[in-house]
């Protein structure tokens, strides 16, 4: 892997082409719109088969494995597809009707890359309105993206919460 430094890069060579930060920003903004519209089929299409979706617990530390230390979400490909299926059904009682969400993404950085993938970090704020409550979830993303003939795809989508803890009764029943 090539490390591009703390400042990230405006572009990375990957899979025989150059991927720009603008292309990655557009991808992340489109994903935010898809999620805010609750288009889970569209969201799942942004993943390559075999991808992972992770949200470590709030006491997660750099270098720790969420598989060993605990997580709110630790989905392999099969669990990710099952999560989408459940969220689309009426069986997702915690999200029936859906929460209203609004996502903001900033500070997008491209970093390490291999021949076929590269890392992306970005800051996020997800505002959520549900049952008369309004919550803000803040943190950062650590993704591994893969360029394909159909555009960028997630190999790993990881959301790291900046919270010290979640409020009592708080649920992550939506995609962060």
C-alpha atoms as a PDB file:
ATOM      1  CA  UNK A   1       0.000   0.000   0.000  1.00  0.00           C
ATOM      2  CA  UNK A   2       1.052   3.528  -0.695  1.00  0.00           C
ATOM      3  CA  UNK A   3       0.486   6.071   2.053  1.00  0.00           C
ATOM      4  CA  UNK A   4      -0.162   9.595   0.833  1.00  0.00           C
ATOM      5  CA  UNK A   5       0.270  11.390   4.140  1.00  0.00           C
ATOM      6  CA  UNK A   6      -2.105  12.999   6.592  1.00  0.00           C
ATOM      7  CA  UNK A   7      -3.430  15.551   4.127  1.00  0.00           C
ATOM      8  CA  UNK A   8      -4.757  12.956   1.712  1.00  0.00           C
ATOM      9  CA  UNK A   9      -4.666  13.392  -2.017  1.00  0.00           C
ATOM     10  CA  UNK A  10      -6.710  14.990  -4.765  1.00  0.00           C
ATOM     11  CA  UNK A  11      -6.413  11.785  -6.826  1.00  0.00           C
ATOM     12  CA  UNK A  12      -5.157   8.211  -6.571  1.00  0.00           C
ATOM     13  CA  UNK A  13      -4.099   5.771  -9.280  1.00  0.00           C
ATOM     14  CA  UNK A  14      -6.249   2.669  -8.980  1.00  0.00           C
ATOM     15  CA  UNK A  15      -7.468  -0.143 -11.242  1.00  0.00           C
ATOM     16  CA  UNK A  16      -5.729   1.302 -14.281  1.00  0.00           C
ATOM     17  CA  UNK A  17      -7.163   4.802 -13.964  1.00  0.00           C
ATOM     18  CA  UNK A  18      -7.030   7.891 -11.784  1.00  0.00           C
ATOM     19  CA  UNK A  19      -9.808   8.407  -9.242  1.00  0.00           C
ATOM     20  CA  UNK A  20     -10.290  12.028  -8.179  1.00  0.00           C
ATOM     21  CA  UNK A  21     -11.470  13.385  -4.862  1.00  0.00           C
ATOM     22  CA  UNK A  22     -14.352  15.088  -6.702  1.00  0.00           C
ATOM     23  CA  UNK A  23     -15.486  11.686  -8.019  1.00  0.00           C
ATOM     24  CA  UNK A  24     -15.364  10.257  -4.481  1.00  0.00           C
ATOM     25  CA  UNK A  25     -17.224  13.271  -3.052  1.00  0.00           C
ATOM     26  CA  UNK A  26     -19.938  12.880  -5.701  1.00  0.00           C
ATOM     27  CA  UNK A  27     -20.206   9.175  -4.827  1.00  0.00           C
ATOM     28  CA  UNK A  28     -20.558   9.918  -1.091  1.00  0.00           C
ATOM     29  CA  UNK A  29     -23.071  12.731  -1.706  1.00  0.00           C
ATOM     30  CA  UNK A  30     -25.140  10.407  -3.917  1.00  0.00           C
ATOM     31  CA  UNK A  31     -25.045   7.739  -1.213  1.00  0.00           C
ATOM     32  CA  UNK A  32     -26.250  10.300   1.360  1.00  0.00           C
ATOM     33  CA  UNK A  33     -29.168  11.223  -0.900  1.00  0.00           C
ATOM     34  CA  UNK A  34     -30.033   7.554  -1.481  1.00  0.00           C
ATOM     35  CA  UNK A  35     -30.078   6.908   2.272  1.00  0.00           C
ATOM     36  CA  UNK A  36     -32.109  10.027   3.059  1.00  0.00           C
ATOM     37  CA  UNK A  37     -34.696   8.819   0.532  1.00  0.00           C
ATOM     38  CA  UNK A  38     -34.658   5.323   2.120  1.00  0.00           C
ATOM     39  CA  UNK A  39     -33.744   3.708  -1.212  1.00  0.00           C
ATOM     40  CA  UNK A  40     -32.112   0.614   0.240  1.00  0.00           C
ATOM     41  CA  UNK A  41     -31.951  -1.272  -3.072  1.00  0.00           C
ATOM     42  CA  UNK A  42     -30.044   1.678  -4.503  1.00  0.00           C
ATOM     43  CA  UNK A  43     -27.798   1.708  -1.434  1.00  0.00           C
ATOM     44  CA  UNK A  44     -27.009  -2.013  -1.653  1.00  0.00           C
ATOM     45  CA  UNK A  45     -26.074  -1.540  -5.320  1.00  0.00           C
ATOM     46  CA  UNK A  46     -23.207   0.712  -4.125  1.00  0.00           C
ATOM     47  CA  UNK A  47     -21.441  -2.325  -2.609  1.00  0.00           C
ATOM     48  CA  UNK A  48     -19.359  -4.953  -4.329  1.00  0.00           C
ATOM     49  CA  UNK A  49     -20.401  -8.556  -3.548  1.00  0.00           C
ATOM     50  CA  UNK A  50     -18.549  -9.700  -0.436  1.00  0.00           C
ATOM     51  CA  UNK A  51     -18.381  -6.190   1.069  1.00  0.00           C
ATOM     52  CA  UNK A  52     -18.658  -5.361   4.781  1.00  0.00           C
ATOM     53  CA  UNK A  53     -20.572  -2.725   6.769  1.00  0.00           C
ATOM     54  CA  UNK A  54     -19.275  -1.865  10.264  1.00  0.00           C
ATOM     55  CA  UNK A  55     -20.102   0.498  13.116  1.00  0.00           C
ATOM     56  CA  UNK A  56     -17.772  -0.115  16.076  1.00  0.00           C
ATOM     57  CA  UNK A  57     -18.963   0.755  19.586  1.00  0.00           C
ATOM     58  CA  UNK A  58     -18.239   4.241  20.912  1.00  0.00           C
ATOM     59  CA  UNK A  59     -15.297   2.952  22.997  1.00  0.00           C
ATOM     60  CA  UNK A  60     -13.550   1.685  19.841  1.00  0.00           C
ATOM     61  CA  UNK A  61      -9.892   2.691  19.630  1.00  0.00           C
ATOM     62  CA  UNK A  62      -7.651   2.902  16.587  1.00  0.00           C
ATOM     63  CA  UNK A  63      -6.001  -0.412  15.897  1.00  0.00           C
ATOM     64  CA  UNK A  64      -8.703  -2.448  17.649  1.00  0.00           C
ATOM     65  CA  UNK A  65     -10.671  -4.928  15.647  1.00  0.00           C
ATOM     66  CA  UNK A  66     -14.455  -4.425  15.853  1.00  0.00           C
ATOM     67  CA  UNK A  67     -14.721  -8.201  15.469  1.00  0.00           C
ATOM     68  CA  UNK A  68     -12.863  -8.638  18.771  1.00  0.00           C
ATOM     69  CA  UNK A  69     -13.956  -5.599  20.817  1.00  0.00           C
ATOM     70  CA  UNK A  70     -17.614  -5.242  19.976  1.00  0.00           C
ATOM     71  CA  UNK A  71     -19.659  -3.277  17.525  1.00  0.00           C
ATOM     72  CA  UNK A  72     -23.105  -1.898  16.892  1.00  0.00           C
ATOM     73  CA  UNK A  73     -22.981  -3.329  13.365  1.00  0.00           C
ATOM     74  CA  UNK A  74     -20.569  -5.930  12.002  1.00  0.00           C
ATOM     75  CA  UNK A  75     -22.194  -7.152   8.793  1.00  0.00           C
ATOM     76  CA  UNK A  76     -20.622  -9.436   6.272  1.00  0.00           C
ATOM     77  CA  UNK A  77     -22.200  -9.592   2.795  1.00  0.00           C
ATOM     78  CA  UNK A  78     -25.015 -11.949   3.830  1.00  0.00           C
ATOM     79  CA  UNK A  79     -25.922  -9.909   6.928  1.00  0.00           C
ATOM     80  CA  UNK A  80     -25.788  -6.689   4.911  1.00  0.00           C
ATOM     81  CA  UNK A  81     -28.306  -8.043   2.409  1.00  0.00           C
ATOM     82  CA  UNK A  82     -30.497  -9.332   5.269  1.00  0.00           C
ATOM     83  CA  UNK A  83     -30.356  -5.874   6.933  1.00  0.00           C
ATOM     84  CA  UNK A  84     -31.568  -4.229   3.710  1.00  0.00           C
ATOM     85  CA  UNK A  85     -34.351  -6.788   3.316  1.00  0.00           C
ATOM     86  CA  UNK A  86     -35.508  -6.220   6.915  1.00  0.00           C
ATOM     87  CA  UNK A  87     -35.383  -2.407   6.652  1.00  0.00           C
ATOM     88  CA  UNK A  88     -37.537  -2.563   3.527  1.00  0.00           C
ATOM     89  CA  UNK A  89     -40.176  -4.704   5.254  1.00  0.00           C
ATOM     90  CA  UNK A  90     -42.775  -3.835   7.869  1.00  0.00           C
ATOM     91  CA  UNK A  91     -40.831  -6.061  10.282  1.00  0.00           C
ATOM     92  CA  UNK A  92     -38.475  -3.159  11.018  1.00  0.00           C
ATOM     93  CA  UNK A  93     -40.811  -1.802  13.724  1.00  0.00           C
ATOM     94  CA  UNK A  94     -38.213   0.704  14.967  1.00  0.00           C
ATOM     95  CA  UNK A  95     -38.320   2.335  11.521  1.00  0.00           C
ATOM     96  CA  UNK A  96     -41.984   2.004  10.597  1.00  0.00           C
ATOM     97  CA  UNK A  97     -42.674   4.717   9.623  1.00  0.00           C
ATOM     98  CA  UNK A  98     -39.164   5.761   8.616  1.00  0.00           C
ATOM     99  CA  UNK A  99     -37.151   8.321  10.528  1.00  0.00           C
ATOM    100  CA  UNK A 100     -36.486  11.557   8.728  1.00  0.00           C
ATOM    101  CA  UNK A 101     -32.762  11.906   8.153  1.00  0.00           C
ATOM    102  CA  UNK A 102     -30.437  14.468   6.658  1.00  0.00           C
ATOM    103  CA  UNK A 103     -26.766  13.755   6.081  1.00  0.00           C
ATOM    104  CA  UNK A 104     -23.850  16.165   5.778  1.00  0.00           C
ATOM    105  CA  UNK A 105     -20.446  14.946   4.594  1.00  0.00           C
ATOM    106  CA  UNK A 106     -17.205  16.932   4.620  1.00  0.00           C
ATOM    107  CA  UNK A 107     -13.412  16.700   4.822  1.00  0.00           C
ATOM    108  CA  UNK A 108     -13.188  13.932   2.233  1.00  0.00           C
ATOM    109  CA  UNK A 109      -9.650  12.552   1.970  1.00  0.00           C
ATOM    110  CA  UNK A 110      -8.189   9.846  -0.252  1.00  0.00           C
ATOM    111  CA  UNK A 111      -5.255   7.981   1.228  1.00  0.00           C
ATOM    112  CA  UNK A 112      -3.717   4.512   0.971  1.00  0.00           C
ATOM    113  CA  UNK A 113      -4.220   2.653  -2.262  1.00  0.00           C
ATOM    114  CA  UNK A 114      -3.478  -0.726  -3.788  1.00  0.00           C
ATOM    115  CA  UNK A 115      -3.832  -1.877  -7.372  1.00  0.00           C
ATOM    116  CA  UNK A 116      -7.601  -2.346  -7.033  1.00  0.00           C
ATOM    117  CA  UNK A 117      -8.786  -0.296  -4.026  1.00  0.00           C
ATOM    118  CA  UNK A 118      -8.142   2.825  -1.998  1.00  0.00           C
ATOM    119  CA  UNK A 119      -9.069   4.265   1.396  1.00  0.00           C
ATOM    120  CA  UNK A 120     -11.327   7.249   1.974  1.00  0.00           C
ATOM    121  CA  UNK A 121     -11.989   9.152   5.169  1.00  0.00           C
ATOM    122  CA  UNK A 122     -14.682  11.779   5.649  1.00  0.00           C
ATOM    123  CA  UNK A 123     -16.508  13.538   8.471  1.00  0.00           C
ATOM    124  CA  UNK A 124     -20.279  13.175   8.812  1.00  0.00           C
ATOM    125  CA  UNK A 125     -23.286  14.526  10.664  1.00  0.00           C
ATOM    126  CA  UNK A 126     -26.545  12.605  10.399  1.00  0.00           C
ATOM    127  CA  UNK A 127     -29.595  14.448  11.718  1.00  0.00           C
ATOM    128  CA  UNK A 128     -32.475  12.163  12.640  1.00  0.00           C
ATOM    129  CA  UNK A 129     -36.063  13.088  13.529  1.00  0.00           C
ATOM    130  CA  UNK A 130     -38.220  10.328  15.011  1.00  0.00           C
ATOM    131  CA  UNK A 131     -41.143  10.200  17.446  1.00  0.00           C
ATOM    132  CA  UNK A 132     -40.832  13.884  18.356  1.00  0.00           C
ATOM    133  CA  UNK A 133     -37.085  13.644  19.041  1.00  0.00           C
ATOM    134  CA  UNK A 134     -34.273  15.210  17.064  1.00  0.00           C
ATOM    135  CA  UNK A 135     -30.805  13.670  17.333  1.00  0.00           C
ATOM    136  CA  UNK A 136     -27.472  14.375  15.684  1.00  0.00           C
ATOM    137  CA  UNK A 137     -24.968  11.590  15.104  1.00  0.00           C
ATOM    138  CA  UNK A 138     -21.449  12.823  14.374  1.00  0.00           C
ATOM    139  CA  UNK A 139     -18.303  11.004  13.442  1.00  0.00           C
ATOM    140  CA  UNK A 140     -16.185   9.995  10.518  1.00  0.00           C
ATOM    141  CA  UNK A 141     -16.164   7.390   7.817  1.00  0.00           C
ATOM    142  CA  UNK A 142     -13.292   5.038   7.001  1.00  0.00           C
ATOM    143  CA  UNK A 143     -14.149   3.365   3.701  1.00  0.00           C
ATOM    144  CA  UNK A 144     -12.366   1.143   1.227  1.00  0.00           C
ATOM    145  CA  UNK A 145     -13.598   1.861  -2.303  1.00  0.00           C
ATOM    146  CA  UNK A 146     -13.143  -0.052  -5.541  1.00  0.00           C
ATOM    147  CA  UNK A 147     -13.399   1.503  -9.013  1.00  0.00           C
ATOM    148  CA  UNK A 148     -15.524  -0.605 -11.372  1.00  0.00           C
ATOM    149  CA  UNK A 149     -16.879  -0.197 -14.878  1.00  0.00           C
ATOM    150  CA  UNK A 150     -20.145   0.952 -13.260  1.00  0.00           C
ATOM    151  CA  UNK A 151     -18.546   3.491 -10.935  1.00  0.00           C
ATOM    152  CA  UNK A 152     -17.189   3.314  -7.399  1.00  0.00           C
ATOM    153  CA  UNK A 153     -18.280   0.564  -4.994  1.00  0.00           C
ATOM    154  CA  UNK A 154     -17.777  -0.051  -1.283  1.00  0.00           C
ATOM    155  CA  UNK A 155     -15.568  -2.935  -0.252  1.00  0.00           C
ATOM    156  CA  UNK A 156     -15.763  -1.718   3.348  1.00  0.00           C
ATOM    157  CA  UNK A 157     -18.116   0.919   4.742  1.00  0.00           C
ATOM    158  CA  UNK A 158     -17.214   1.838   8.321  1.00  0.00           C
ATOM    159  CA  UNK A 159     -18.896   4.539  10.427  1.00  0.00           C
ATOM    160  CA  UNK A 160     -17.037   5.654  13.554  1.00  0.00           C
ATOM    161  CA  UNK A 161     -19.154   7.615  16.000  1.00  0.00           C
ATOM    162  CA  UNK A 162     -17.564  10.602  17.716  1.00  0.00           C
ATOM    163  CA  UNK A 163     -19.866  10.208  20.721  1.00  0.00           C
ATOM    164  CA  UNK A 164     -18.558   9.125  24.110  1.00  0.00           C
ATOM    165  CA  UNK A 165     -21.731   7.088  24.463  1.00  0.00           C
ATOM    166  CA  UNK A 166     -25.240   6.930  23.068  1.00  0.00           C
ATOM    167  CA  UNK A 167     -28.161   8.196  25.108  1.00  0.00           C
ATOM    168  CA  UNK A 168     -30.180   5.630  27.034  1.00  0.00           C
ATOM    169  CA  UNK A 169     -32.677   4.060  24.682  1.00  0.00           C
ATOM    170  CA  UNK A 170     -30.875   5.317  21.575  1.00  0.00           C
ATOM    171  CA  UNK A 171     -31.127   2.935  18.650  1.00  0.00           C
ATOM    172  CA  UNK A 172     -29.153   2.640  15.470  1.00  0.00           C
ATOM    173  CA  UNK A 173     -32.130   1.263  13.587  1.00  0.00           C
ATOM    174  CA  UNK A 174     -31.212   3.203  10.442  1.00  0.00           C
ATOM    175  CA  UNK A 175     -28.081   3.284   8.304  1.00  0.00           C
ATOM    176  CA  UNK A 176     -25.500   5.628   9.780  1.00  0.00           C
END
